[in-house]
Each structure stands twice: as C-alpha cells, then as structure tokens.
PDB file of N, CA and C in Angstrom:
ATOM      1  N   UNK A   1     -57.071 -50.113 -90.453  1.00  0.00           N
ATOM      2  CA  UNK A   1     -56.179 -48.884 -89.880  1.00  0.00           C
ATOM      3  C   UNK A   1     -57.118 -47.808 -89.870  1.00  0.00           C
ATOM      4  N   UNK A   2     -57.212 -47.000 -88.940  1.00  0.00           N
ATOM      5  CA  UNK A   2     -58.041 -45.918 -88.741  1.00  0.00           C
ATOM      6  C   UNK A   2     -57.316 -44.594 -88.714  1.00  0.00           C
ATOM      7  N   UNK A   3     -57.214 -43.918 -89.960  1.00  0.00           N
ATOM      8  CA  UNK A   3     -56.225 -42.904 -90.208  1.00  0.00           C
ATOM      9  C   UNK A   3     -57.240 -41.636 -90.041  1.00  0.00           C
ATOM     10  N   UNK A   4     -56.823 -40.669 -89.196  1.00  0.00           N
ATOM     11  CA  UNK A   4     -57.551 -39.442 -88.843  1.00  0.00           C
ATOM     12  C   UNK A   4     -57.467 -38.539 -90.078  1.00  0.00           C
ATOM     13  N   UNK A   5     -58.491 -37.995 -90.295  1.00  0.00           N
ATOM     14  CA  UNK A   5     -58.750 -36.726 -91.546  1.00  0.00           C
ATOM     15  C   UNK A   5     -58.206 -35.456 -91.248  1.00  0.00           C
ATOM     16  N   UNK A   6     -57.414 -35.343 -90.458  1.00  0.00           N
ATOM     17  CA  UNK A   6     -56.580 -34.007 -89.970  1.00  0.00           C
ATOM     18  C   UNK A   6     -55.114 -34.259 -90.288  1.00  0.00           C
ATOM     19  N   UNK A   7     -54.639 -33.030 -90.247  1.00  0.00           N
ATOM     20  CA  UNK A   7     -53.066 -33.256 -90.260  1.00  0.00           C
ATOM     21  C   UNK A   7     -52.554 -32.987 -91.599  1.00  0.00           C
ATOM     22  N   UNK A   8     -51.681 -33.734 -92.132  1.00  0.00           N
ATOM     23  CA  UNK A   8     -50.966 -33.611 -93.501  1.00  0.00           C
ATOM     24  C   UNK A   8     -50.170 -34.865 -93.708  1.00  0.00           C
ATOM     25  N   UNK A   9     -50.004 -35.040 -94.987  1.00  0.00           N
ATOM     26  CA  UNK A   9     -49.279 -36.339 -95.435  1.00  0.00           C
ATOM     27  C   UNK A   9     -48.079 -36.037 -96.266  1.00  0.00           C
ATOM     28  N   UNK A  10     -47.017 -36.807 -95.853  1.00  0.00           N
ATOM     29  CA  UNK A  10     -45.840 -36.774 -96.858  1.00  0.00           C
ATOM     30  C   UNK A  10     -46.032 -38.019 -97.947  1.00  0.00           C
ATOM     31  N   UNK A  11     -45.841 -37.899 -99.026  1.00  0.00           N
ATOM     32  CA  UNK A  11     -45.845 -39.016-100.016  1.00  0.00           C
ATOM     33  C   UNK A  11     -44.465 -39.003-100.789  1.00  0.00           C
ATOM     34  N   UNK A  12     -43.870 -40.150-100.664  1.00  0.00           N
ATOM     35  CA  UNK A  12     -42.495 -40.131-101.482  1.00  0.00           C
ATOM     36  C   UNK A  12     -42.718 -41.069-102.467  1.00  0.00           C
ATOM     37  N   UNK A  13     -42.344 -40.815-103.823  1.00  0.00           N
ATOM     38  CA  UNK A  13     -42.257 -41.718-104.915  1.00  0.00           C
ATOM     39  C   UNK A  13     -41.017 -42.165-105.213  1.00  0.00           C
ATOM     40  N   UNK A  14     -40.655 -43.586-104.992  1.00  0.00           N
ATOM     41  CA  UNK A  14     -39.117 -43.690-105.072  1.00  0.00           C
ATOM     42  C   UNK A  14     -38.711 -44.745-106.354  1.00  0.00           C
ATOM     43  N   UNK A  15     -37.603 -44.601-106.706  1.00  0.00           N
ATOM     44  CA  UNK A  15     -37.150 -45.565-107.760  1.00  0.00           C
ATOM     45  C   UNK A  15     -35.856 -45.882-107.089  1.00  0.00           C
ATOM     46  N   UNK A  16     -35.684 -47.005-106.572  1.00  0.00           N
ATOM     47  CA  UNK A  16     -34.463 -47.625-105.773  1.00  0.00           C
ATOM     48  C   UNK A  16     -33.443 -47.783-107.058  1.00  0.00           C
ATOM     49  N   UNK A  17     -31.952 -47.319-106.728  1.00  0.00           N
ATOM     50  CA  UNK A  17     -30.914 -47.618-107.453  1.00  0.00           C
ATOM     51  C   UNK A  17     -30.035 -48.526-106.607  1.00  0.00           C
ATOM     52  N   UNK A  18     -29.766 -48.530-105.161  1.00  0.00           N
ATOM     53  CA  UNK A  18     -29.044 -49.522-104.775  1.00  0.00           C
ATOM     54  C   UNK A  18     -29.729 -49.971-103.545  1.00  0.00           C
ATOM     55  N   UNK A  19     -30.331 -51.269-103.477  1.00  0.00           N
ATOM     56  CA  UNK A  19     -31.140 -51.836-102.526  1.00  0.00           C
ATOM     57  C   UNK A  19     -30.362 -51.736-101.178  1.00  0.00           C
ATOM     58  N   UNK A  20     -29.053 -51.949-100.957  1.00  0.00           N
ATOM     59  CA  UNK A  20     -28.466 -52.120 -99.705  1.00  0.00           C
ATOM     60  C   UNK A  20     -28.446 -50.718 -99.029  1.00  0.00           C
ATOM     61  N   UNK A  21     -27.990 -49.742 -99.905  1.00  0.00           N
ATOM     62  CA  UNK A  21     -27.951 -48.460 -99.398  1.00  0.00           C
ATOM     63  C   UNK A  21     -29.351 -47.939 -99.020  1.00  0.00           C
ATOM     64  N   UNK A  22     -30.366 -48.221 -99.775  1.00  0.00           N
ATOM     65  CA  UNK A  22     -32.040 -47.910 -99.591  1.00  0.00           C
ATOM     66  C   UNK A  22     -32.265 -48.388 -98.171  1.00  0.00           C
ATOM     67  N   UNK A  23     -31.952 -49.828 -97.932  1.00  0.00           N
ATOM     68  CA  UNK A  23     -32.285 -50.249 -96.647  1.00  0.00           C
ATOM     69  C   UNK A  23     -31.693 -49.589 -95.595  1.00  0.00           C
ATOM     70  N   UNK A  24     -30.279 -49.365 -95.678  1.00  0.00           N
ATOM     71  CA  UNK A  24     -29.757 -48.455 -94.571  1.00  0.00           C
ATOM     72  C   UNK A  24     -30.419 -47.025 -94.360  1.00  0.00           C
ATOM     73  N   UNK A  25     -30.800 -46.445 -95.281  1.00  0.00           N
ATOM     74  CA  UNK A  25     -31.302 -45.165 -95.235  1.00  0.00           C
ATOM     75  C   UNK A  25     -32.887 -45.425 -94.659  1.00  0.00           C
ATOM     76  N   UNK A  26     -33.573 -46.216 -94.909  1.00  0.00           N
ATOM     77  CA  UNK A  26     -34.808 -46.461 -94.381  1.00  0.00           C
ATOM     78  C   UNK A  26     -34.749 -46.871 -92.871  1.00  0.00           C
ATOM     79  N   UNK A  27     -33.641 -47.323 -92.593  1.00  0.00           N
ATOM     80  CA  UNK A  27     -33.478 -47.694 -91.035  1.00  0.00           C
ATOM     81  C   UNK A  27     -33.251 -46.660 -90.273  1.00  0.00           C
ATOM     82  N   UNK A  28     -32.626 -45.496 -91.012  1.00  0.00           N
ATOM     83  CA  UNK A  28     -32.464 -44.220 -90.073  1.00  0.00           C
ATOM     84  C   UNK A  28     -33.381 -43.415 -90.158  1.00  0.00           C
ATOM     85  N   UNK A  29     -34.247 -43.248 -91.039  1.00  0.00           N
ATOM     86  CA  UNK A  29     -35.346 -42.199 -91.026  1.00  0.00           C
ATOM     87  C   UNK A  29     -36.382 -42.137 -89.975  1.00  0.00           C
ATOM     88  N   UNK A  30     -36.861 -43.242 -89.567  1.00  0.00           N
ATOM     89  CA  UNK A  30     -37.614 -43.342 -88.250  1.00  0.00           C
ATOM     90  C   UNK A  30     -37.195 -42.566 -87.018  1.00  0.00           C
ATOM     91  N   UNK A  31     -36.102 -42.613 -86.609  1.00  0.00           N
ATOM     92  CA  UNK A  31     -35.486 -41.787 -85.539  1.00  0.00           C
ATOM     93  C   UNK A  31     -35.763 -40.219 -85.780  1.00  0.00           C
ATOM     94  N   UNK A  32     -35.731 -39.856 -87.173  1.00  0.00           N
ATOM     95  CA  UNK A  32     -35.959 -38.235 -87.449  1.00  0.00           C
ATOM     96  C   UNK A  32     -37.166 -37.966 -87.604  1.00  0.00           C
ATOM     97  N   UNK A  33     -38.319 -38.844 -87.384  1.00  0.00           N
ATOM     98  CA  UNK A  33     -39.673 -38.298 -87.379  1.00  0.00           C
ATOM     99  C   UNK A  33     -40.351 -38.242 -85.904  1.00  0.00           C
ATOM    100  N   UNK A  34     -39.672 -38.886 -84.873  1.00  0.00           N
ATOM    101  CA  UNK A  34     -40.383 -38.943 -83.456  1.00  0.00           C
ATOM    102  C   UNK A  34     -40.771 -37.425 -83.061  1.00  0.00           C
ATOM    103  N   UNK A  35     -39.624 -36.672 -83.218  1.00  0.00           N
ATOM    104  CA  UNK A  35     -39.839 -35.103 -82.469  1.00  0.00           C
ATOM    105  C   UNK A  35     -40.828 -34.421 -83.365  1.00  0.00           C
ATOM    106  N   UNK A  36     -41.365 -34.961 -84.349  1.00  0.00           N
ATOM    107  CA  UNK A  36     -42.213 -34.215 -85.258  1.00  0.00           C
ATOM    108  C   UNK A  36     -43.599 -34.601 -85.236  1.00  0.00           C
ATOM    109  N   UNK A  37     -43.847 -35.754 -84.334  1.00  0.00           N
ATOM    110  CA  UNK A  37     -44.988 -36.268 -83.999  1.00  0.00           C
ATOM    111  C   UNK A  37     -45.629 -36.935 -85.467  1.00  0.00           C
ATOM    112  N   UNK A  38     -44.674 -37.720 -86.279  1.00  0.00           N
ATOM    113  CA  UNK A  38     -45.108 -38.186 -87.402  1.00  0.00           C
ATOM    114  C   UNK A  38     -45.250 -39.656 -87.101  1.00  0.00           C
ATOM    115  N   UNK A  39     -46.019 -40.517 -88.066  1.00  0.00           N
ATOM    116  CA  UNK A  39     -46.299 -41.774 -87.961  1.00  0.00           C
ATOM    117  C   UNK A  39     -46.259 -42.405 -89.446  1.00  0.00           C
ATOM    118  N   UNK A  40     -45.589 -43.425 -89.568  1.00  0.00           N
ATOM    119  CA  UNK A  40     -45.527 -44.026 -91.091  1.00  0.00           C
ATOM    120  C   UNK A  40     -47.086 -44.837 -91.037  1.00  0.00           C
ATOM    121  N   UNK A  41     -47.562 -44.351 -92.295  1.00  0.00           N
ATOM    122  CA  UNK A  41     -48.965 -44.951 -92.586  1.00  0.00           C
ATOM    123  C   UNK A  41     -48.583 -46.306 -93.552  1.00  0.00           C
ATOM    124  N   UNK A  42     -47.780 -46.045 -94.473  1.00  0.00           N
ATOM    125  CA  UNK A  42     -47.530 -47.099 -95.503  1.00  0.00           C
ATOM    126  C   UNK A  42     -46.242 -46.951 -96.099  1.00  0.00           C
ATOM    127  N   UNK A  43     -45.697 -48.060 -96.350  1.00  0.00           N
ATOM    128  CA  UNK A  43     -44.516 -48.062 -97.010  1.00  0.00           C
ATOM    129  C   UNK A  43     -44.306 -49.453 -98.002  1.00  0.00           C
ATOM    130  N   UNK A  44     -44.017 -49.530 -99.141  1.00  0.00           N
ATOM    131  CA  UNK A  44     -43.951 -50.640 -99.963  1.00  0.00           C
ATOM    132  C   UNK A  44     -43.786 -50.326-101.320  1.00  0.00           C
ATOM    133  N   UNK A  45     -43.805 -51.470-102.266  1.00  0.00           N
ATOM    134  CA  UNK A  45     -43.662 -51.559-103.403  1.00  0.00           C
ATOM    135  C   UNK A  45     -44.742 -51.337-104.471  1.00  0.00           C
ATOM    136  N   UNK A  46     -44.648 -50.576-105.474  1.00  0.00           N
ATOM    137  CA  UNK A  46     -45.787 -50.412-106.664  1.00  0.00           C
ATOM    138  C   UNK A  46     -46.014 -51.719-107.176  1.00  0.00           C
ATOM    139  N   UNK A  47     -47.142 -52.482-106.933  1.00  0.00           N
ATOM    140  CA  UNK A  47     -47.103 -53.755-107.611  1.00  0.00           C
ATOM    141  C   UNK A  47     -47.974 -53.704-109.140  1.00  0.00           C
ATOM    142  N   UNK A  48     -48.804 -52.732-109.109  1.00  0.00           N
ATOM    143  CA  UNK A  48     -49.610 -52.644-110.071  1.00  0.00           C
ATOM    144  C   UNK A  48     -49.975 -51.261-110.623  1.00  0.00           C
ATOM    145  N   UNK A  49     -49.833 -50.735-111.616  1.00  0.00           N
ATOM    146  CA  UNK A  49     -50.068 -49.445-112.087  1.00  0.00           C
ATOM    147  C   UNK A  49     -51.387 -49.741-112.799  1.00  0.00           C
ATOM    148  N   UNK A  50     -52.448 -48.721-112.517  1.00  0.00           N
ATOM    149  CA  UNK A  50     -53.724 -49.005-113.080  1.00  0.00           C
ATOM    150  C   UNK A  50     -53.918 -47.965-113.948  1.00  0.00           C
ATOM    151  N   UNK A  51     -53.245 -46.917-114.145  1.00  0.00           N
ATOM    152  CA  UNK A  51     -53.396 -45.827-115.244  1.00  0.00           C
ATOM    153  C   UNK A  51     -52.347 -45.026-115.486  1.00  0.00           C
ATOM    154  N   UNK A  52     -51.876 -44.917-116.453  1.00  0.00           N
ATOM    155  CA  UNK A  52     -50.541 -44.060-116.711  1.00  0.00           C
ATOM    156  C   UNK A  52     -49.251 -44.903-116.756  1.00  0.00           C
ATOM    157  N   UNK A  53     -48.247 -44.138-116.607  1.00  0.00           N
ATOM    158  CA  UNK A  53     -46.784 -44.997-116.344  1.00  0.00           C
ATOM    159  C   UNK A  53     -46.406 -44.514-115.138  1.00  0.00           C
ATOM    160  N   UNK A  54     -45.374 -45.408-114.818  1.00  0.00           N
ATOM    161  CA  UNK A  54     -44.592 -45.250-113.435  1.00  0.00           C
ATOM    162  C   UNK A  54     -43.514 -46.079-113.378  1.00  0.00           C
ATOM    163  N   UNK A  55     -42.355 -45.280-113.114  1.00  0.00           N
ATOM    164  CA  UNK A  55     -41.035 -46.085-112.980  1.00  0.00           C
ATOM    165  C   UNK A  55     -40.654 -46.016-111.693  1.00  0.00           C
ATOM    166  N   UNK A  56     -41.463 -45.843-110.771  1.00  0.00           N
ATOM    167  CA  UNK A  56     -41.210 -46.016-109.262  1.00  0.00           C
ATOM    168  C   UNK A  56     -41.107 -47.416-108.872  1.00  0.00           C
ATOM    169  N   UNK A  57     -40.238 -47.725-108.079  1.00  0.00           N
ATOM    170  CA  UNK A  57     -40.253 -49.118-107.344  1.00  0.00           C
ATOM    171  C   UNK A  57     -41.131 -49.190-105.944  1.00  0.00           C
ATOM    172  N   UNK A  58     -41.092 -47.978-105.389  1.00  0.00           N
ATOM    173  CA  UNK A  58     -41.483 -47.879-103.828  1.00  0.00           C
ATOM    174  C   UNK A  58     -42.046 -46.640-103.691  1.00  0.00           C
ATOM    175  N   UNK A  59     -43.016 -46.697-102.301  1.00  0.00           N
ATOM    176  CA  UNK A  59     -43.691 -45.534-102.058  1.00  0.00           C
ATOM    177  C   UNK A  59     -43.684 -45.377-100.521  1.00  0.00           C
ATOM    178  N   UNK A  60     -43.967 -44.337-100.244  1.00  0.00           N
ATOM    179  CA  UNK A  60     -43.940 -44.207 -98.361  1.00  0.00           C
ATOM    180  C   UNK A  60     -44.963 -42.887 -98.507  1.00  0.00           C
ATOM    181  N   UNK A  61     -45.843 -43.268 -97.188  1.00  0.00           N
ATOM    182  CA  UNK A  61     -46.916 -42.125 -96.839  1.00  0.00           C
ATOM    183  C   UNK A  61     -46.624 -41.991 -95.455  1.00  0.00           C
ATOM    184  N   UNK A  62     -46.464 -40.883 -94.877  1.00  0.00           N
ATOM    185  CA  UNK A  62     -46.174 -40.536 -93.589  1.00  0.00           C
ATOM    186  C   UNK A  62     -46.999 -39.447 -93.180  1.00  0.00           C
ATOM    187  N   UNK A  63     -47.830 -39.633 -92.013  1.00  0.00           N
ATOM    188  CA  UNK A  63     -48.632 -38.497 -91.532  1.00  0.00           C
ATOM    189  C   UNK A  63     -48.002 -37.790 -90.404  1.00  0.00           C
ATOM    190  N   UNK A  64     -48.285 -36.426 -90.478  1.00  0.00           N
ATOM    191  CA  UNK A  64     -47.824 -35.530 -89.738  1.00  0.00           C
ATOM    192  C   UNK A  64     -48.704 -34.668 -88.836  1.00  0.00           C
ATOM    193  N   UNK A  65     -48.529 -34.113 -87.896  1.00  0.00           N
ATOM    194  CA  UNK A  65     -49.882 -33.325 -87.384  1.00  0.00           C
ATOM    195  C   UNK A  65     -50.093 -31.960 -88.231  1.00  0.00           C
ATOM    196  N   UNK A  66     -49.255 -31.432 -88.965  1.00  0.00           N
ATOM    197  CA  UNK A  66     -49.698 -30.451 -89.914  1.00  0.00           C
ATOM    198  C   UNK A  66     -48.548 -30.316 -90.809  1.00  0.00           C
ATOM    199  N   UNK A  67     -48.851 -29.283 -91.934  1.00  0.00           N
ATOM    200  CA  UNK A  67     -47.722 -29.035 -92.939  1.00  0.00           C
ATOM    201  C   UNK A  67     -46.539 -28.451 -92.501  1.00  0.00           C
ATOM    202  N   UNK A  68     -46.800 -27.807 -91.387  1.00  0.00           N
ATOM    203  CA  UNK A  68     -45.752 -26.962 -90.848  1.00  0.00           C
ATOM    204  C   UNK A  68     -44.622 -28.161 -90.196  1.00  0.00           C
ATOM    205  N   UNK A  69     -45.174 -28.888 -89.610  1.00  0.00           N
ATOM    206  CA  UNK A  69     -44.450 -30.158 -89.028  1.00  0.00           C
ATOM    207  C   UNK A  69     -43.726 -31.047 -90.348  1.00  0.00           C
ATOM    208  N   UNK A  70     -44.281 -31.052 -91.342  1.00  0.00           N
ATOM    209  CA  UNK A  70     -43.449 -31.721 -92.385  1.00  0.00           C
ATOM    210  C   UNK A  70     -42.333 -31.130 -92.774  1.00  0.00           C
ATOM    211  N   UNK A  71     -42.782 -29.505 -93.001  1.00  0.00           N
ATOM    212  CA  UNK A  71     -41.484 -28.827 -93.553  1.00  0.00           C
ATOM    213  C   UNK A  71     -40.330 -28.685 -92.286  1.00  0.00           C
ATOM    214  N   UNK A  72     -40.867 -28.815 -91.069  1.00  0.00           N
ATOM    215  CA  UNK A  72     -39.804 -28.637 -89.991  1.00  0.00           C
ATOM    216  C   UNK A  72     -38.925 -30.067 -89.936  1.00  0.00           C
ATOM    217  N   UNK A  73     -39.631 -31.039 -90.106  1.00  0.00           N
ATOM    218  CA  UNK A  73     -38.760 -32.271 -90.239  1.00  0.00           C
ATOM    219  C   UNK A  73     -37.757 -32.287 -91.556  1.00  0.00           C
ATOM    220  N   UNK A  74     -38.327 -32.009 -92.574  1.00  0.00           N
ATOM    221  CA  UNK A  74     -37.618 -31.876 -93.865  1.00  0.00           C
ATOM    222  C   UNK A  74     -36.320 -31.214 -93.748  1.00  0.00           C
ATOM    223  N   UNK A  75     -36.372 -29.741 -93.152  1.00  0.00           N
ATOM    224  CA  UNK A  75     -35.314 -28.989 -92.907  1.00  0.00           C
ATOM    225  C   UNK A  75     -34.438 -29.345 -91.584  1.00  0.00           C
ATOM    226  N   UNK A  76     -34.878 -30.089 -90.841  1.00  0.00           N
ATOM    227  CA  UNK A  76     -34.164 -30.307 -89.659  1.00  0.00           C
ATOM    228  C   UNK A  76     -32.748 -31.016 -90.006  1.00  0.00           C
ATOM    229  N   UNK A  77     -31.859 -30.605 -89.063  1.00  0.00           N
ATOM    230  CA  UNK A  77     -30.552 -31.028 -89.218  1.00  0.00           C
ATOM    231  C   UNK A  77     -30.378 -32.698 -89.256  1.00  0.00           C
ATOM    232  N   UNK A  78     -31.167 -33.333 -88.533  1.00  0.00           N
ATOM    233  CA  UNK A  78     -31.266 -34.758 -88.428  1.00  0.00           C
ATOM    234  C   UNK A  78     -31.599 -35.395 -89.725  1.00  0.00           C
ATOM    235  N   UNK A  79     -32.655 -34.814 -90.440  1.00  0.00           N
ATOM    236  CA  UNK A  79     -33.115 -35.287 -91.797  1.00  0.00           C
ATOM    237  C   UNK A  79     -31.958 -34.842 -92.877  1.00  0.00           C
ATOM    238  N   UNK A  80     -31.683 -33.564 -92.973  1.00  0.00           N
ATOM    239  CA  UNK A  80     -30.863 -33.105 -94.082  1.00  0.00           C
ATOM    240  C   UNK A  80     -29.522 -34.055 -93.806  1.00  0.00           C
ATOM    241  N   UNK A  81     -29.052 -34.499 -92.755  1.00  0.00           N
ATOM    242  CA  UNK A  81     -28.012 -35.248 -92.759  1.00  0.00           C
ATOM    243  C   UNK A  81     -27.916 -36.527 -93.549  1.00  0.00           C
ATOM    244  N   UNK A  82     -29.378 -37.032 -93.641  1.00  0.00           N
ATOM    245  CA  UNK A  82     -29.480 -38.285 -94.367  1.00  0.00           C
ATOM    246  C   UNK A  82     -29.651 -38.183 -95.899  1.00  0.00           C
ATOM    247  N   UNK A  83     -30.055 -36.950 -96.268  1.00  0.00           N
ATOM    248  CA  UNK A  83     -30.104 -36.751 -97.757  1.00  0.00           C
ATOM    249  C   UNK A  83     -28.942 -37.190 -98.630  1.00  0.00           C
ATOM    250  N   UNK A  84     -27.762 -37.019 -98.601  1.00  0.00           N
ATOM    251  CA  UNK A  84     -26.728 -37.772 -99.324  1.00  0.00           C
ATOM    252  C   UNK A  84     -26.837 -39.257 -99.474  1.00  0.00           C
ATOM    253  N   UNK A  85     -27.326 -39.794 -98.331  1.00  0.00           N
ATOM    254  CA  UNK A  85     -27.514 -41.251 -98.196  1.00  0.00           C
ATOM    255  C   UNK A  85     -28.729 -41.717 -99.210  1.00  0.00           C
ATOM    256  N   UNK A  86     -29.932 -40.849 -98.896  1.00  0.00           N
ATOM    257  CA  UNK A  86     -30.883 -41.020 -99.832  1.00  0.00           C
ATOM    258  C   UNK A  86     -30.782 -40.952-101.338  1.00  0.00           C
ATOM    259  N   UNK A  87     -30.111 -39.777-101.640  1.00  0.00           N
ATOM    260  CA  UNK A  87     -29.840 -39.534-102.997  1.00  0.00           C
ATOM    261  C   UNK A  87     -28.683 -40.591-103.560  1.00  0.00           C
ATOM    262  N   UNK A  88     -27.803 -41.183-102.886  1.00  0.00           N
ATOM    263  CA  UNK A  88     -27.070 -42.307-103.223  1.00  0.00           C
ATOM    264  C   UNK A  88     -27.784 -43.798-103.613  1.00  0.00           C
ATOM    265  N   UNK A  89     -28.857 -43.639-102.846  1.00  0.00           N
ATOM    266  CA  UNK A  89     -29.619 -45.130-102.733  1.00  0.00           C
ATOM    267  C   UNK A  89     -30.705 -45.022-103.711  1.00  0.00           C
ATOM    268  N   UNK A  90     -31.402 -43.733-104.080  1.00  0.00           N
ATOM    269  CA  UNK A  90     -32.765 -43.828-104.791  1.00  0.00           C
ATOM    270  C   UNK A  90     -32.907 -42.546-105.610  1.00  0.00           C
ATOM    271  N   UNK A  91     -33.693 -42.345-106.350  1.00  0.00           N
ATOM    272  CA  UNK A  91     -34.268 -41.077-107.094  1.00  0.00           C
ATOM    273  C   UNK A  91     -35.816 -41.038-106.193  1.00  0.00           C
ATOM    274  N   UNK A  92     -35.640 -39.920-105.654  1.00  0.00           N
ATOM    275  CA  UNK A  92     -37.113 -39.744-104.705  1.00  0.00           C
ATOM    276  C   UNK A  92     -37.651 -38.461-105.059  1.00  0.00           C
ATOM    277  N   UNK A  93     -39.078 -38.434-105.220  1.00  0.00           N
ATOM    278  CA  UNK A  93     -39.819 -37.391-105.329  1.00  0.00           C
ATOM    279  C   UNK A  93     -40.669 -37.341-104.109  1.00  0.00           C
ATOM    280  N   UNK A  94     -40.668 -36.181-103.304  1.00  0.00           N
ATOM    281  CA  UNK A  94     -41.357 -36.004-101.964  1.00  0.00           C
ATOM    282  C   UNK A  94     -42.333 -34.933-102.259  1.00  0.00           C
ATOM    283  N   UNK A  95     -43.596 -35.088-101.855  1.00  0.00           N
ATOM    284  CA  UNK A  95     -44.723 -34.345-101.709  1.00  0.00           C
ATOM    285  C   UNK A  95     -45.400 -34.108-100.625  1.00  0.00           C
ATOM    286  N   UNK A  96     -45.809 -33.201-100.181  1.00  0.00           N
ATOM    287  CA  UNK A  96     -46.666 -33.002 -98.811  1.00  0.00           C
ATOM    288  C   UNK A  96     -48.075 -32.301 -99.331  1.00  0.00           C
ATOM    289  N   UNK A  97     -49.097 -32.882 -98.531  1.00  0.00           N
ATOM    290  CA  UNK A  97     -50.474 -32.486 -98.727  1.00  0.00           C
ATOM    291  C   UNK A  97     -50.948 -32.138 -97.398  1.00  0.00           C
ATOM    292  N   UNK A  98     -51.522 -30.993 -97.199  1.00  0.00           N
ATOM    293  CA  UNK A  98     -52.516 -30.846 -96.113  1.00  0.00           C
ATOM    294  C   UNK A  98     -53.819 -31.165 -96.055  1.00  0.00           C
ATOM    295  N   UNK A  99     -54.249 -32.056 -95.142  1.00  0.00           N
ATOM    296  CA  UNK A  99     -55.452 -32.361 -94.994  1.00  0.00           C
ATOM    297  C   UNK A  99     -56.566 -31.702 -94.250  1.00  0.00           C
TER     298      UNK A  99
END
C-alpha cells in the first residue's frame, strides 16, 4: 500500500470490553469519516508486543488531509453521537499526529 507522507494520522489504541458493542461502533464510524477526506489505513489486533507492555487488544490508523480535519471530525456532531457507544464498548486512547 502506498501511503503519502503528507497529512495527518489518527492512531487509536483500544482495549475492547464488549465485542458485540465494539463491532456495532466500528460499523458506524466510516460514515463519519467521508466528509473529512479520511481513509482507513489499518485496523486490527495487537498480536505481538516487541517492547514494553500493552493491554490494548486492537488498534486503528486513519489518515486525514491535515490535523485540522482530524479535529473537525472528532468534534463533529456525527462522531460525538458515537462516543457513548464507543465508551460502552471499549477503553480507547486516540492520538493525532501531523505529518
């Protein structure tokens, strides 16, 4: 996969508490990304910890055009409406990095 070295990335570190609720949340997120020019880069489980410790079960990387698009998406009514579902399903740490 050719990933451009411009824009910004959101990285989510996730510890799933309820797999069924998590699957529902994950199915709803993509519709909130379209308006912000975002693209899913990777989503999956952490199969191997090479250094340190980790209690996360899953991760996600989403590319956005810039850090402002990430902030706009996160604060959007569409995404904010999903946060109660997210919090019921998992413990999530979300970090954004500009490239």
